[in-house]
Amino acid sequence: MTIPANHIKLKRAYEKSVPGDGIRILVDRLWPRGVSKAEAALDHWTKELAPSTELRQWFGHDPARWQEFRERYRQEVHQHRDQLRQVRDLARKGPVTLVYAARDEEHNEAVVLRNLLLGRSLRPSVKAISPKP
């Protein structure tokens, strides 16, 4: 059974939780700075699905390393199939919000994890370029 795309949401840990978030899962290895447990309103913290300390430090949220990070992170996630399956099962039943602390909303582990859960390719999209007249 596939997961509807609207069942997996992404949200920064610093954003307020809302009922439509469904099950909130922190996907960072480190707790977000300055966020209390009550403010985070998390249901789960899946450290195992977070990038390893080594990978996180290597990446450093450098967009130039994004493609390589995505591949390395995908390999790490697949070493934790049970945790990935648990999140996938939750998302099949209803909304799940992957919570992350990164400032960059386009280049972070939650983006990669969402695509993996939805079965999307990690290959970069290539826009068709029309020939000049």
N, C-alpha and C. Protein backbone atom coordinates (compact mmCIF):
# COMPACT_ATOMS: atom_id res chain seq x y z
N MET A 1 0.84 -1.18 0.00
CA MET A 1 0.00 0.00 0.00
C MET A 1 0.89 1.25 0.00
N THR A 2 0.64 2.14 -0.92
CA THR A 2 1.44 3.37 -0.99
C THR A 2 0.96 4.37 0.05
N ILE A 3 1.83 5.30 0.34
CA ILE A 3 1.53 6.35 1.31
C ILE A 3 1.12 7.60 0.54
N PRO A 4 -0.04 8.16 0.86
CA PRO A 4 -0.42 9.42 0.22
C PRO A 4 0.59 10.51 0.58
N ALA A 5 1.00 11.31 -0.38
CA ALA A 5 2.01 12.35 -0.14
C ALA A 5 1.59 13.30 0.98
N ASN A 6 0.30 13.57 1.10
CA ASN A 6 -0.14 14.50 2.14
C ASN A 6 -0.11 13.89 3.54
N HIS A 7 0.26 12.62 3.65
CA HIS A 7 0.38 11.98 4.96
C HIS A 7 1.74 12.24 5.60
N ILE A 8 2.70 12.75 4.82
CA ILE A 8 4.03 13.00 5.39
C ILE A 8 4.36 14.48 5.22
N LYS A 9 4.38 15.16 6.35
CA LYS A 9 4.64 16.60 6.37
C LYS A 9 6.00 16.85 6.98
N LEU A 10 6.53 18.02 6.70
CA LEU A 10 7.81 18.43 7.27
C LEU A 10 7.60 19.72 8.06
N LYS A 11 8.27 19.82 9.21
CA LYS A 11 8.10 21.03 10.02
C LYS A 11 9.34 21.22 10.88
N ARG A 12 9.76 22.46 10.97
CA ARG A 12 10.89 22.79 11.86
C ARG A 12 10.44 22.64 13.31
N ALA A 13 11.36 22.25 14.15
CA ALA A 13 11.08 22.06 15.57
C ALA A 13 10.66 23.35 16.25
N TYR A 14 10.98 24.48 15.63
CA TYR A 14 10.68 25.78 16.23
C TYR A 14 9.30 26.31 15.83
N GLU A 15 8.62 25.57 14.97
CA GLU A 15 7.26 25.94 14.58
C GLU A 15 6.27 25.30 15.54
N LYS A 16 5.18 25.98 15.79
CA LYS A 16 4.16 25.50 16.71
C LYS A 16 3.46 24.26 16.14
N SER A 17 3.18 23.30 16.99
CA SER A 17 2.43 22.12 16.54
C SER A 17 0.96 22.47 16.39
N VAL A 18 0.31 21.79 15.46
CA VAL A 18 -1.12 21.96 15.24
C VAL A 18 -1.74 20.57 15.14
N PRO A 19 -3.04 20.45 15.41
CA PRO A 19 -3.68 19.13 15.37
C PRO A 19 -3.49 18.39 14.03
N GLY A 20 -3.41 19.12 12.93
CA GLY A 20 -3.25 18.49 11.62
C GLY A 20 -1.89 17.85 11.40
N ASP A 21 -0.95 18.08 12.33
CA ASP A 21 0.38 17.46 12.22
C ASP A 21 0.31 15.95 12.33
N GLY A 22 -0.70 15.45 12.99
CA GLY A 22 -0.76 14.01 13.22
C GLY A 22 0.32 13.58 14.19
N ILE A 23 0.98 12.49 13.90
CA ILE A 23 2.05 11.98 14.76
C ILE A 23 3.33 12.75 14.43
N ARG A 24 3.90 13.35 15.46
CA ARG A 24 5.12 14.16 15.28
C ARG A 24 6.35 13.35 15.67
N ILE A 25 7.30 13.27 14.72
CA ILE A 25 8.50 12.46 14.92
C ILE A 25 9.73 13.32 14.70
N LEU A 26 10.55 13.45 15.74
CA LEU A 26 11.82 14.16 15.60
C LEU A 26 12.80 13.26 14.87
N VAL A 27 13.40 13.76 13.80
CA VAL A 27 14.31 12.95 12.99
C VAL A 27 15.75 13.48 13.06
N ASP A 28 16.07 14.20 14.12
CA ASP A 28 17.42 14.69 14.38
C ASP A 28 18.08 13.82 15.44
N ARG A 29 19.39 13.72 15.38
CA ARG A 29 20.12 12.97 16.40
C ARG A 29 20.26 13.79 17.68
N LEU A 30 20.30 15.12 17.53
CA LEU A 30 20.43 16.02 18.67
C LEU A 30 19.11 16.73 18.94
N TRP A 31 18.85 17.00 20.22
CA TRP A 31 17.64 17.73 20.58
C TRP A 31 17.77 19.17 20.10
N PRO A 32 16.71 19.76 19.54
CA PRO A 32 16.77 21.15 19.06
C PRO A 32 17.03 22.13 20.20
N ARG A 33 17.97 23.03 19.99
CA ARG A 33 18.32 24.02 21.01
C ARG A 33 17.14 24.91 21.36
N GLY A 34 16.96 25.12 22.65
CA GLY A 34 15.97 26.07 23.12
C GLY A 34 14.53 25.61 23.02
N VAL A 35 14.30 24.35 22.70
CA VAL A 35 12.93 23.83 22.58
C VAL A 35 12.66 22.88 23.74
N SER A 36 11.64 23.16 24.51
CA SER A 36 11.31 22.27 25.62
C SER A 36 10.54 21.07 25.09
N LYS A 37 10.46 20.03 25.89
CA LYS A 37 9.69 18.84 25.49
C LYS A 37 8.23 19.20 25.26
N ALA A 38 7.71 20.06 26.10
CA ALA A 38 6.30 20.46 25.95
C ALA A 38 6.09 21.23 24.65
N GLU A 39 7.00 22.14 24.33
CA GLU A 39 6.88 22.92 23.09
C GLU A 39 7.01 22.02 21.85
N ALA A 40 7.88 21.05 21.93
CA ALA A 40 8.11 20.17 20.79
C ALA A 40 6.90 19.30 20.49
N ALA A 41 6.16 18.93 21.51
CA ALA A 41 4.94 18.11 21.36
C ALA A 41 5.19 16.90 20.47
N LEU A 42 6.26 16.16 20.77
CA LEU A 42 6.64 15.01 19.95
C LEU A 42 5.98 13.72 20.44
N ASP A 43 5.72 12.84 19.49
CA ASP A 43 5.22 11.51 19.82
C ASP A 43 6.35 10.49 19.82
N HIS A 44 7.36 10.74 18.96
CA HIS A 44 8.50 9.83 18.84
C HIS A 44 9.76 10.62 18.54
N TRP A 45 10.89 10.03 18.92
CA TRP A 45 12.20 10.58 18.56
C TRP A 45 12.99 9.43 17.99
N THR A 46 13.17 9.41 16.68
CA THR A 46 13.85 8.30 16.02
C THR A 46 15.30 8.68 15.70
N LYS A 47 16.14 8.65 16.71
CA LYS A 47 17.56 8.97 16.54
C LYS A 47 18.22 8.06 15.52
N GLU A 48 17.74 6.80 15.47
CA GLU A 48 18.34 5.82 14.57
C GLU A 48 18.19 6.23 13.11
N LEU A 49 17.14 6.97 12.77
CA LEU A 49 16.92 7.39 11.39
C LEU A 49 17.59 8.73 11.08
N ALA A 50 18.20 9.34 12.07
CA ALA A 50 18.91 10.60 11.84
C ALA A 50 20.27 10.30 11.21
N PRO A 51 20.83 11.25 10.49
CA PRO A 51 22.18 11.05 9.94
C PRO A 51 23.18 10.82 11.08
N SER A 52 24.17 10.00 10.81
CA SER A 52 25.22 9.76 11.80
C SER A 52 25.92 11.09 12.12
N THR A 53 26.56 11.15 13.26
CA THR A 53 27.29 12.34 13.65
C THR A 53 28.33 12.69 12.58
N GLU A 54 29.02 11.68 12.08
CA GLU A 54 30.05 11.91 11.07
C GLU A 54 29.45 12.51 9.80
N LEU A 55 28.33 11.95 9.33
CA LEU A 55 27.70 12.44 8.11
C LEU A 55 27.16 13.86 8.33
N ARG A 56 26.53 14.09 9.46
CA ARG A 56 25.98 15.41 9.77
C ARG A 56 27.08 16.46 9.78
N GLN A 57 28.21 16.15 10.42
CA GLN A 57 29.31 17.10 10.49
C GLN A 57 29.95 17.32 9.12
N TRP A 58 30.07 16.26 8.34
CA TRP A 58 30.64 16.39 6.98
C TRP A 58 29.75 17.29 6.12
N PHE A 59 28.44 17.06 6.18
CA PHE A 59 27.50 17.81 5.36
C PHE A 59 27.48 19.29 5.75
N GLY A 60 27.31 19.57 7.03
CA GLY A 60 27.29 20.94 7.51
C GLY A 60 26.27 21.83 6.82
N HIS A 61 25.24 21.24 6.25
CA HIS A 61 24.18 21.95 5.53
C HIS A 61 24.73 22.79 4.37
N ASP A 62 25.79 22.27 3.75
CA ASP A 62 26.39 22.91 2.59
C ASP A 62 25.65 22.43 1.34
N PRO A 63 24.89 23.31 0.68
CA PRO A 63 24.14 22.89 -0.51
C PRO A 63 25.02 22.25 -1.59
N ALA A 64 26.30 22.60 -1.63
CA ALA A 64 27.19 22.00 -2.62
C ALA A 64 27.41 20.50 -2.35
N ARG A 65 27.16 20.07 -1.12
CA ARG A 65 27.32 18.65 -0.76
C ARG A 65 25.99 17.91 -0.71
N TRP A 66 24.91 18.57 -1.11
CA TRP A 66 23.57 18.01 -0.98
C TRP A 66 23.40 16.67 -1.70
N GLN A 67 23.79 16.58 -2.95
CA GLN A 67 23.58 15.33 -3.69
C GLN A 67 24.31 14.16 -3.03
N GLU A 68 25.55 14.37 -2.64
CA GLU A 68 26.33 13.32 -1.98
C GLU A 68 25.73 12.99 -0.61
N PHE A 69 25.29 14.01 0.11
CA PHE A 69 24.66 13.77 1.42
C PHE A 69 23.43 12.88 1.26
N ARG A 70 22.61 13.19 0.27
CA ARG A 70 21.39 12.40 0.05
C ARG A 70 21.71 10.93 -0.16
N GLU A 71 22.69 10.63 -0.94
CA GLU A 71 23.06 9.23 -1.20
C GLU A 71 23.63 8.56 0.04
N ARG A 72 24.52 9.23 0.71
CA ARG A 72 25.11 8.65 1.94
C ARG A 72 24.05 8.44 3.01
N TYR A 73 23.18 9.42 3.15
CA TYR A 73 22.13 9.31 4.16
C TYR A 73 21.17 8.18 3.82
N ARG A 74 20.81 8.04 2.57
CA ARG A 74 19.93 6.95 2.14
C ARG A 74 20.55 5.60 2.54
N GLN A 75 21.83 5.47 2.33
CA GLN A 75 22.52 4.22 2.70
C GLN A 75 22.45 3.99 4.21
N GLU A 76 22.62 5.05 4.99
CA GLU A 76 22.52 4.90 6.45
C GLU A 76 21.11 4.51 6.87
N VAL A 77 20.11 5.14 6.31
CA VAL A 77 18.72 4.86 6.68
C VAL A 77 18.39 3.40 6.43
N HIS A 78 18.87 2.85 5.33
CA HIS A 78 18.55 1.46 5.00
C HIS A 78 19.22 0.46 5.94
N GLN A 79 20.10 0.93 6.79
CA GLN A 79 20.66 0.07 7.83
C GLN A 79 19.72 -0.05 9.03
N HIS A 80 18.65 0.74 9.01
CA HIS A 80 17.67 0.76 10.10
C HIS A 80 16.28 0.50 9.53
N ARG A 81 16.14 -0.59 8.85
CA ARG A 81 14.89 -0.93 8.15
C ARG A 81 13.69 -1.03 9.09
N ASP A 82 13.91 -1.54 10.30
CA ASP A 82 12.78 -1.68 11.24
C ASP A 82 12.19 -0.32 11.61
N GLN A 83 13.05 0.65 11.92
CA GLN A 83 12.57 1.98 12.27
C GLN A 83 11.91 2.65 11.06
N LEU A 84 12.49 2.45 9.88
CA LEU A 84 11.90 3.01 8.66
C LEU A 84 10.53 2.40 8.41
N ARG A 85 10.41 1.11 8.62
CA ARG A 85 9.12 0.42 8.44
C ARG A 85 8.09 0.94 9.44
N GLN A 86 8.49 1.20 10.67
CA GLN A 86 7.57 1.71 11.68
C GLN A 86 7.01 3.08 11.28
N VAL A 87 7.88 3.96 10.79
CA VAL A 87 7.42 5.28 10.35
C VAL A 87 6.52 5.13 9.13
N ARG A 88 6.89 4.26 8.22
CA ARG A 88 6.09 4.02 7.02
C ARG A 88 4.70 3.51 7.40
N ASP A 89 4.63 2.60 8.36
CA ASP A 89 3.34 2.06 8.81
C ASP A 89 2.47 3.15 9.43
N LEU A 90 3.08 4.03 10.21
CA LEU A 90 2.33 5.15 10.80
C LEU A 90 1.78 6.07 9.70
N ALA A 91 2.59 6.34 8.69
CA ALA A 91 2.18 7.24 7.61
C ALA A 91 1.08 6.63 6.74
N ARG A 92 1.03 5.33 6.67
CA ARG A 92 -0.05 4.69 5.90
C ARG A 92 -1.40 4.88 6.60
N LYS A 93 -1.36 5.00 7.93
CA LYS A 93 -2.60 5.11 8.71
C LYS A 93 -3.11 6.55 8.82
N GLY A 94 -2.22 7.52 8.69
CA GLY A 94 -2.64 8.91 8.84
C GLY A 94 -1.47 9.86 8.78
N PRO A 95 -1.71 11.13 9.05
CA PRO A 95 -0.65 12.14 8.94
C PRO A 95 0.50 11.92 9.92
N VAL A 96 1.70 12.14 9.40
CA VAL A 96 2.93 12.08 10.18
C VAL A 96 3.71 13.33 9.83
N THR A 97 4.25 14.00 10.84
CA THR A 97 5.09 15.16 10.59
C THR A 97 6.51 14.84 11.03
N LEU A 98 7.45 14.94 10.09
CA LEU A 98 8.86 14.75 10.38
C LEU A 98 9.40 16.09 10.85
N VAL A 99 9.84 16.11 12.09
CA VAL A 99 10.28 17.35 12.74
C VAL A 99 11.81 17.40 12.71
N TYR A 100 12.34 18.56 12.32
CA TYR A 100 13.79 18.74 12.21
C TYR A 100 14.15 20.14 12.71
N ALA A 101 15.42 20.36 13.01
CA ALA A 101 15.84 21.65 13.55
C ALA A 101 16.55 22.55 12.53
N ALA A 102 17.01 22.01 11.44
CA ALA A 102 17.81 22.77 10.47
C ALA A 102 17.09 24.02 9.99
N ARG A 103 17.87 25.06 9.75
CA ARG A 103 17.31 26.31 9.22
C ARG A 103 16.94 26.15 7.75
N ASP A 104 17.75 25.40 7.04
CA ASP A 104 17.55 25.21 5.60
C ASP A 104 16.41 24.22 5.39
N GLU A 105 15.31 24.70 4.86
CA GLU A 105 14.12 23.86 4.70
C GLU A 105 14.17 22.97 3.47
N GLU A 106 15.15 23.18 2.59
CA GLU A 106 15.27 22.38 1.37
C GLU A 106 16.38 21.34 1.44
N HIS A 107 17.38 21.58 2.28
CA HIS A 107 18.55 20.71 2.35
C HIS A 107 18.71 20.17 3.77
N ASN A 108 17.90 19.17 4.11
CA ASN A 108 18.00 18.57 5.44
C ASN A 108 17.52 17.12 5.37
N GLU A 109 17.79 16.38 6.42
CA GLU A 109 17.48 14.94 6.43
C GLU A 109 15.99 14.64 6.30
N ALA A 110 15.14 15.51 6.82
CA ALA A 110 13.70 15.26 6.74
C ALA A 110 13.21 15.23 5.29
N VAL A 111 13.79 16.07 4.44
CA VAL A 111 13.44 16.08 3.02
C VAL A 111 13.79 14.74 2.39
N VAL A 112 14.98 14.25 2.68
CA VAL A 112 15.42 12.96 2.12
C VAL A 112 14.55 11.83 2.66
N LEU A 113 14.31 11.84 3.96
CA LEU A 113 13.52 10.78 4.58
C LEU A 113 12.10 10.75 4.03
N ARG A 114 11.50 11.90 3.82
CA ARG A 114 10.15 11.96 3.25
C ARG A 114 10.14 11.30 1.86
N ASN A 115 11.11 11.64 1.04
CA ASN A 115 11.18 11.05 -0.30
C ASN A 115 11.38 9.55 -0.24
N LEU A 116 12.19 9.08 0.69
CA LEU A 116 12.38 7.64 0.85
C LEU A 116 11.08 6.96 1.26
N LEU A 117 10.37 7.55 2.20
CA LEU A 117 9.11 6.98 2.67
C LEU A 117 8.07 6.93 1.55
N LEU A 118 8.11 7.93 0.68
CA LEU A 118 7.15 7.98 -0.43
C LEU A 118 7.62 7.19 -1.64
N GLY A 119 8.82 6.61 -1.56
CA GLY A 119 9.33 5.80 -2.66
C GLY A 119 9.79 6.62 -3.84
N ARG A 120 10.18 7.85 -3.59
CA ARG A 120 10.64 8.72 -4.67
C ARG A 120 12.12 8.57 -4.90
N SER A 121 12.52 8.78 -6.11
CA SER A 121 13.91 8.69 -6.51
C SER A 121 14.73 9.79 -5.85
N LEU A 122 15.99 9.49 -5.63
CA LEU A 122 16.89 10.50 -5.08
C LEU A 122 17.61 11.26 -6.17
N ARG A 123 17.40 10.86 -7.40
CA ARG A 123 18.08 11.54 -8.49
C ARG A 123 17.56 12.96 -8.62
N PRO A 124 18.45 13.89 -8.93
CA PRO A 124 18.00 15.27 -9.09
C PRO A 124 17.10 15.39 -10.30
N SER A 125 16.11 16.24 -10.19
CA SER A 125 15.22 16.43 -11.32
C SER A 125 15.93 17.24 -12.39
N VAL A 126 15.67 16.89 -13.62
CA VAL A 126 16.28 17.60 -14.73
C VAL A 126 15.18 18.31 -15.47
N LYS A 127 15.29 19.61 -15.58
CA LYS A 127 14.28 20.38 -16.29
C LYS A 127 14.58 20.33 -17.78
N ALA A 128 13.53 20.16 -18.52
CA ALA A 128 13.71 20.14 -19.98
C ALA A 128 14.06 21.54 -20.45
N ILE A 129 15.05 21.61 -21.31
CA ILE A 129 15.47 22.88 -21.85
C ILE A 129 15.04 22.92 -23.31
N SER A 130 14.24 23.91 -23.62
CA SER A 130 13.78 24.01 -25.00
C SER A 130 14.88 24.67 -25.84
N PRO A 131 15.04 24.19 -27.06
CA PRO A 131 16.08 24.78 -27.92
C PRO A 131 15.72 26.23 -28.25
N LYS A 132 16.75 27.03 -28.40
CA LYS A 132 16.53 28.43 -28.75
C LYS A 132 16.13 28.52 -30.21
N PRO A 133 15.22 29.44 -30.52
CA PRO A 133 14.79 29.58 -31.92
C PRO A 133 15.86 30.15 -32.81
